[in-house]
Amino acid sequence: MCREPGQTVTVGLTQEFQAQVGRVTRFRGPTPGSFHRQGESLVSLESEKWVGHFSNPIDGTVLEVNEAWYRDPSALGSCPWREAWLYRLLPLESSTARSGGPLSEGGPPGV
């Protein structure tokens, strides 16, 4: 998770997690405009060696989903974190993000 200018939050996968998962074959994400609470399952990813769901790290409204995941999920498995983001949120002002897990907190070093 990475806070962007204007309080937008971008949720994505760390490069380390992308390497562990391997080639992604299927993506299902949230609907733009929908509100979700912290902990709700919002993203489903399938790869050749892994299937799993990701929980929303913070209360907020989904602003945008990375459509590239729907077009060709396998192409994003090796992209830099800034290109392989999953969705963007407008956080609820009082919300606090959870820590840990495969979501990047501020992106990997050097980004």
N, C-alpha and C. Protein backbone atom coordinates (compact mmCIF):
# COMPACT_ATOMS: atom_id res chain seq x y z
N MET A 1 0.85 -1.16 0.00
CA MET A 1 0.00 0.00 0.00
C MET A 1 0.90 1.23 0.00
N CYS A 2 0.52 2.22 -0.80
CA CYS A 2 1.32 3.43 -0.92
C CYS A 2 0.40 4.64 -0.98
N ARG A 3 0.62 5.61 -0.08
CA ARG A 3 -0.17 6.85 -0.12
C ARG A 3 0.34 7.72 -1.25
N GLU A 4 -0.59 8.19 -2.08
CA GLU A 4 -0.28 9.04 -3.21
C GLU A 4 -0.65 10.48 -2.85
N PRO A 5 -0.20 11.45 -3.66
CA PRO A 5 -0.63 12.84 -3.44
C PRO A 5 -2.16 12.94 -3.47
N GLY A 6 -2.71 13.81 -2.64
CA GLY A 6 -4.16 13.97 -2.60
C GLY A 6 -4.87 12.91 -1.78
N GLN A 7 -4.14 12.18 -0.95
CA GLN A 7 -4.68 11.17 -0.03
C GLN A 7 -5.14 9.88 -0.69
N THR A 8 -4.95 9.71 -1.99
CA THR A 8 -5.26 8.45 -2.64
C THR A 8 -4.29 7.38 -2.17
N VAL A 9 -4.78 6.16 -2.02
CA VAL A 9 -3.94 5.03 -1.62
C VAL A 9 -3.91 4.03 -2.77
N THR A 10 -2.72 3.59 -3.16
CA THR A 10 -2.57 2.57 -4.19
C THR A 10 -2.20 1.26 -3.52
N VAL A 11 -2.93 0.20 -3.85
CA VAL A 11 -2.70 -1.12 -3.29
C VAL A 11 -2.10 -2.00 -4.38
N GLY A 12 -0.98 -2.64 -4.05
CA GLY A 12 -0.31 -3.48 -5.03
C GLY A 12 0.48 -4.59 -4.37
N LEU A 13 1.14 -5.39 -5.18
CA LEU A 13 1.93 -6.51 -4.69
C LEU A 13 3.40 -6.12 -4.64
N THR A 14 4.09 -6.61 -3.64
CA THR A 14 5.53 -6.38 -3.59
C THR A 14 6.20 -7.22 -4.68
N GLN A 15 7.38 -6.80 -5.08
CA GLN A 15 8.13 -7.56 -6.08
C GLN A 15 8.48 -8.94 -5.56
N GLU A 16 8.77 -9.05 -4.27
CA GLU A 16 9.10 -10.33 -3.67
C GLU A 16 7.93 -11.29 -3.78
N PHE A 17 6.73 -10.79 -3.50
CA PHE A 17 5.55 -11.64 -3.57
C PHE A 17 5.27 -12.05 -5.01
N GLN A 18 5.44 -11.11 -5.95
CA GLN A 18 5.24 -11.44 -7.37
C GLN A 18 6.17 -12.57 -7.78
N ALA A 19 7.41 -12.55 -7.30
CA ALA A 19 8.38 -13.59 -7.64
C ALA A 19 7.95 -14.94 -7.06
N GLN A 20 7.40 -14.95 -5.86
CA GLN A 20 6.96 -16.19 -5.23
C GLN A 20 5.75 -16.78 -5.94
N VAL A 21 4.82 -15.93 -6.33
CA VAL A 21 3.57 -16.39 -6.95
C VAL A 21 3.81 -16.93 -8.36
N GLY A 22 4.70 -16.29 -9.08
CA GLY A 22 4.94 -16.70 -10.46
C GLY A 22 3.96 -16.06 -11.42
N ARG A 23 3.80 -16.67 -12.57
CA ARG A 23 2.96 -16.14 -13.64
C ARG A 23 1.49 -16.15 -13.24
N VAL A 24 0.88 -14.98 -13.17
CA VAL A 24 -0.54 -14.85 -12.82
C VAL A 24 -1.39 -15.22 -14.04
N THR A 25 -2.41 -16.05 -13.82
CA THR A 25 -3.26 -16.50 -14.92
C THR A 25 -4.68 -15.93 -14.84
N ARG A 26 -5.08 -15.46 -13.66
CA ARG A 26 -6.44 -14.92 -13.53
C ARG A 26 -6.47 -13.88 -12.43
N PHE A 27 -7.26 -12.83 -12.67
CA PHE A 27 -7.41 -11.72 -11.72
C PHE A 27 -8.88 -11.36 -11.60
N ARG A 28 -9.35 -11.18 -10.39
CA ARG A 28 -10.68 -10.62 -10.13
C ARG A 28 -10.51 -9.54 -9.08
N GLY A 29 -11.00 -8.34 -9.39
CA GLY A 29 -10.82 -7.21 -8.50
C GLY A 29 -12.13 -6.55 -8.11
N PRO A 30 -12.04 -5.49 -7.33
CA PRO A 30 -13.24 -4.78 -6.86
C PRO A 30 -13.84 -3.89 -7.95
N THR A 31 -15.03 -3.42 -7.70
CA THR A 31 -15.73 -2.53 -8.62
C THR A 31 -15.46 -1.08 -8.24
N PRO A 32 -15.00 -0.26 -9.20
CA PRO A 32 -14.81 1.17 -8.90
C PRO A 32 -16.10 1.80 -8.37
N GLY A 33 -15.96 2.65 -7.37
CA GLY A 33 -17.11 3.31 -6.76
C GLY A 33 -17.66 2.58 -5.55
N SER A 34 -17.20 1.36 -5.32
CA SER A 34 -17.71 0.59 -4.19
C SER A 34 -16.90 0.89 -2.92
N PHE A 35 -17.58 0.89 -1.79
CA PHE A 35 -16.94 1.13 -0.49
C PHE A 35 -16.67 -0.21 0.17
N HIS A 36 -15.48 -0.35 0.77
CA HIS A 36 -15.12 -1.60 1.44
C HIS A 36 -14.42 -1.32 2.75
N ARG A 37 -14.68 -2.17 3.72
CA ARG A 37 -14.06 -2.08 5.03
C ARG A 37 -12.72 -2.81 5.03
N GLN A 38 -11.87 -2.41 5.95
CA GLN A 38 -10.60 -3.09 6.16
C GLN A 38 -10.88 -4.56 6.46
N GLY A 39 -10.12 -5.44 5.83
CA GLY A 39 -10.27 -6.87 6.06
C GLY A 39 -11.17 -7.59 5.07
N GLU A 40 -11.99 -6.87 4.31
CA GLU A 40 -12.84 -7.51 3.30
C GLU A 40 -11.97 -8.05 2.17
N SER A 41 -12.32 -9.22 1.67
CA SER A 41 -11.61 -9.81 0.54
C SER A 41 -12.00 -9.07 -0.74
N LEU A 42 -11.02 -8.44 -1.39
CA LEU A 42 -11.31 -7.63 -2.58
C LEU A 42 -10.70 -8.15 -3.86
N VAL A 43 -9.61 -8.87 -3.75
CA VAL A 43 -8.89 -9.32 -4.95
C VAL A 43 -8.66 -10.82 -4.87
N SER A 44 -8.86 -11.49 -6.00
CA SER A 44 -8.55 -12.90 -6.13
C SER A 44 -7.53 -13.04 -7.25
N LEU A 45 -6.43 -13.72 -6.96
CA LEU A 45 -5.39 -13.98 -7.95
C LEU A 45 -5.17 -15.48 -8.06
N GLU A 46 -4.95 -15.95 -9.29
CA GLU A 46 -4.57 -17.33 -9.51
C GLU A 46 -3.31 -17.32 -10.35
N SER A 47 -2.40 -18.22 -10.00
CA SER A 47 -1.18 -18.38 -10.79
C SER A 47 -0.99 -19.86 -11.05
N GLU A 48 0.10 -20.18 -11.72
CA GLU A 48 0.38 -21.59 -12.01
C GLU A 48 0.68 -22.38 -10.74
N LYS A 49 1.08 -21.68 -9.65
CA LYS A 49 1.42 -22.40 -8.43
C LYS A 49 0.74 -21.88 -7.17
N TRP A 50 -0.25 -20.97 -7.32
CA TRP A 50 -0.87 -20.38 -6.14
C TRP A 50 -2.25 -19.82 -6.48
N VAL A 51 -3.18 -19.92 -5.53
CA VAL A 51 -4.50 -19.29 -5.63
C VAL A 51 -4.76 -18.62 -4.30
N GLY A 52 -5.21 -17.37 -4.32
CA GLY A 52 -5.48 -16.71 -3.05
C GLY A 52 -6.27 -15.44 -3.18
N HIS A 53 -6.71 -14.94 -2.03
CA HIS A 53 -7.49 -13.72 -1.94
C HIS A 53 -6.72 -12.72 -1.10
N PHE A 54 -6.93 -11.45 -1.40
CA PHE A 54 -6.29 -10.38 -0.65
C PHE A 54 -7.33 -9.52 0.03
N SER A 55 -7.08 -9.22 1.28
CA SER A 55 -7.99 -8.39 2.06
C SER A 55 -7.65 -6.92 1.88
N ASN A 56 -8.67 -6.11 1.95
CA ASN A 56 -8.49 -4.66 1.86
C ASN A 56 -7.72 -4.18 3.10
N PRO A 57 -6.62 -3.45 2.92
CA PRO A 57 -5.81 -3.04 4.07
C PRO A 57 -6.35 -1.83 4.83
N ILE A 58 -7.38 -1.16 4.28
CA ILE A 58 -7.85 0.09 4.88
C ILE A 58 -9.29 0.36 4.42
N ASP A 59 -10.11 0.97 5.28
CA ASP A 59 -11.46 1.35 4.88
C ASP A 59 -11.39 2.40 3.78
N GLY A 60 -12.20 2.25 2.74
CA GLY A 60 -12.20 3.27 1.70
C GLY A 60 -13.04 2.89 0.49
N THR A 61 -13.15 3.85 -0.43
CA THR A 61 -13.89 3.70 -1.67
C THR A 61 -12.92 3.43 -2.81
N VAL A 62 -13.21 2.39 -3.60
CA VAL A 62 -12.37 2.05 -4.74
C VAL A 62 -12.56 3.11 -5.82
N LEU A 63 -11.46 3.74 -6.21
CA LEU A 63 -11.50 4.76 -7.25
C LEU A 63 -11.22 4.18 -8.63
N GLU A 64 -10.33 3.21 -8.67
CA GLU A 64 -9.86 2.69 -9.96
C GLU A 64 -9.27 1.30 -9.76
N VAL A 65 -9.44 0.46 -10.77
CA VAL A 65 -8.84 -0.87 -10.78
C VAL A 65 -7.90 -0.93 -11.98
N ASN A 66 -6.75 -1.54 -11.82
CA ASN A 66 -5.79 -1.64 -12.90
C ASN A 66 -6.33 -2.61 -13.95
N GLU A 67 -6.88 -2.08 -15.03
CA GLU A 67 -7.51 -2.87 -16.08
C GLU A 67 -6.53 -3.79 -16.79
N ALA A 68 -5.24 -3.49 -16.72
CA ALA A 68 -4.23 -4.34 -17.37
C ALA A 68 -4.26 -5.76 -16.80
N TRP A 69 -4.64 -5.91 -15.53
CA TRP A 69 -4.74 -7.24 -14.93
C TRP A 69 -5.80 -8.08 -15.64
N TYR A 70 -6.89 -7.46 -16.09
CA TYR A 70 -7.94 -8.20 -16.79
C TYR A 70 -7.51 -8.56 -18.21
N ARG A 71 -6.81 -7.64 -18.89
CA ARG A 71 -6.40 -7.87 -20.27
C ARG A 71 -5.35 -8.96 -20.40
N ASP A 72 -4.32 -8.92 -19.56
CA ASP A 72 -3.23 -9.90 -19.66
C ASP A 72 -2.55 -10.04 -18.31
N PRO A 73 -3.13 -10.81 -17.39
CA PRO A 73 -2.56 -10.91 -16.04
C PRO A 73 -1.15 -11.48 -16.03
N SER A 74 -0.80 -12.31 -16.99
CA SER A 74 0.54 -12.90 -16.98
C SER A 74 1.63 -11.87 -17.26
N ALA A 75 1.31 -10.80 -17.96
CA ALA A 75 2.29 -9.77 -18.30
C ALA A 75 2.69 -8.95 -17.08
N LEU A 76 1.86 -8.92 -16.05
CA LEU A 76 2.13 -8.06 -14.90
C LEU A 76 2.95 -8.74 -13.81
N GLY A 77 3.16 -10.01 -13.92
CA GLY A 77 3.91 -10.72 -12.89
C GLY A 77 5.34 -10.27 -12.73
N SER A 78 5.91 -9.66 -13.76
CA SER A 78 7.30 -9.24 -13.67
C SER A 78 7.46 -7.73 -13.78
N CYS A 79 6.37 -7.00 -13.79
CA CYS A 79 6.42 -5.55 -13.91
C CYS A 79 6.85 -4.89 -12.60
N PRO A 80 7.44 -3.72 -12.69
CA PRO A 80 7.72 -2.97 -11.47
C PRO A 80 6.44 -2.71 -10.68
N TRP A 81 6.57 -2.53 -9.38
CA TRP A 81 5.42 -2.36 -8.49
C TRP A 81 4.49 -1.25 -8.95
N ARG A 82 5.03 -0.15 -9.43
CA ARG A 82 4.19 0.97 -9.85
C ARG A 82 3.29 0.61 -11.02
N GLU A 83 3.65 -0.37 -11.83
CA GLU A 83 2.81 -0.80 -12.95
C GLU A 83 1.90 -1.96 -12.56
N ALA A 84 2.27 -2.70 -11.54
CA ALA A 84 1.52 -3.89 -11.16
C ALA A 84 0.57 -3.63 -9.99
N TRP A 85 0.18 -2.37 -9.81
CA TRP A 85 -0.77 -2.06 -8.74
C TRP A 85 -2.10 -2.75 -9.03
N LEU A 86 -2.87 -3.00 -7.98
CA LEU A 86 -4.14 -3.70 -8.11
C LEU A 86 -5.32 -2.73 -8.21
N TYR A 87 -5.41 -1.82 -7.22
CA TYR A 87 -6.51 -0.85 -7.22
C TYR A 87 -6.11 0.37 -6.41
N ARG A 88 -6.87 1.46 -6.60
CA ARG A 88 -6.65 2.70 -5.86
C ARG A 88 -7.88 3.01 -5.03
N LEU A 89 -7.65 3.52 -3.82
CA LEU A 89 -8.72 3.83 -2.87
C LEU A 89 -8.67 5.28 -2.45
N LEU A 90 -9.82 5.79 -2.08
CA LEU A 90 -9.92 7.02 -1.33
C LEU A 90 -10.25 6.57 0.09
N PRO A 91 -9.27 6.65 1.01
CA PRO A 91 -9.48 6.09 2.34
C PRO A 91 -10.48 6.89 3.16
N LEU A 92 -11.17 6.19 4.03
CA LEU A 92 -12.00 6.83 5.03
C LEU A 92 -11.04 7.55 5.96
N GLU A 93 -11.31 8.78 6.27
CA GLU A 93 -10.37 9.62 7.02
C GLU A 93 -9.86 8.99 8.30
N SER A 94 -10.72 8.27 9.01
CA SER A 94 -10.33 7.71 10.31
C SER A 94 -9.70 6.32 10.20
N SER A 95 -9.51 5.82 8.98
CA SER A 95 -9.03 4.46 8.79
C SER A 95 -7.53 4.33 9.02
N THR A 96 -7.13 3.20 9.59
CA THR A 96 -5.72 2.89 9.82
C THR A 96 -5.39 1.60 9.11
N ALA A 97 -4.32 1.60 8.35
CA ALA A 97 -3.94 0.42 7.56
C ALA A 97 -3.37 -0.67 8.44
N ARG A 98 -3.62 -1.92 8.04
CA ARG A 98 -2.99 -3.05 8.71
C ARG A 98 -1.58 -3.18 8.16
N SER A 99 -0.71 -3.79 8.91
CA SER A 99 0.66 -3.97 8.44
C SER A 99 0.92 -5.42 8.11
N GLY A 100 1.96 -5.66 7.36
CA GLY A 100 2.36 -7.01 7.01
C GLY A 100 1.66 -7.52 5.78
N GLY A 101 1.97 -8.73 5.37
CA GLY A 101 1.35 -9.36 4.22
C GLY A 101 2.04 -8.98 2.92
N PRO A 102 1.51 -9.47 1.80
CA PRO A 102 2.15 -9.27 0.51
C PRO A 102 1.91 -7.90 -0.10
N LEU A 103 1.11 -7.06 0.51
CA LEU A 103 0.89 -5.73 -0.02
C LEU A 103 2.04 -4.84 0.38
N SER A 104 2.45 -4.01 -0.53
CA SER A 104 3.61 -3.16 -0.27
C SER A 104 3.24 -1.94 0.52
N GLU A 105 3.94 -1.66 1.58
CA GLU A 105 3.73 -0.48 2.42
C GLU A 105 4.71 0.59 1.92
N GLY A 106 4.24 1.45 1.01
CA GLY A 106 5.09 2.48 0.46
C GLY A 106 5.92 2.05 -0.72
N GLY A 107 5.72 0.85 -1.21
CA GLY A 107 6.48 0.35 -2.34
C GLY A 107 7.84 -0.16 -1.89
N PRO A 108 8.49 -0.92 -2.72
CA PRO A 108 9.80 -1.46 -2.37
C PRO A 108 10.85 -0.36 -2.32
N PRO A 109 11.97 -0.59 -1.66
CA PRO A 109 13.02 0.43 -1.59
C PRO A 109 13.41 0.89 -2.99
N GLY A 110 13.62 2.17 -3.12
CA GLY A 110 14.04 2.74 -4.39
C GLY A 110 12.91 3.16 -5.29
N VAL A 111 11.65 2.95 -4.86
CA VAL A 111 10.51 3.34 -5.68
C VAL A 111 9.91 4.60 -5.13
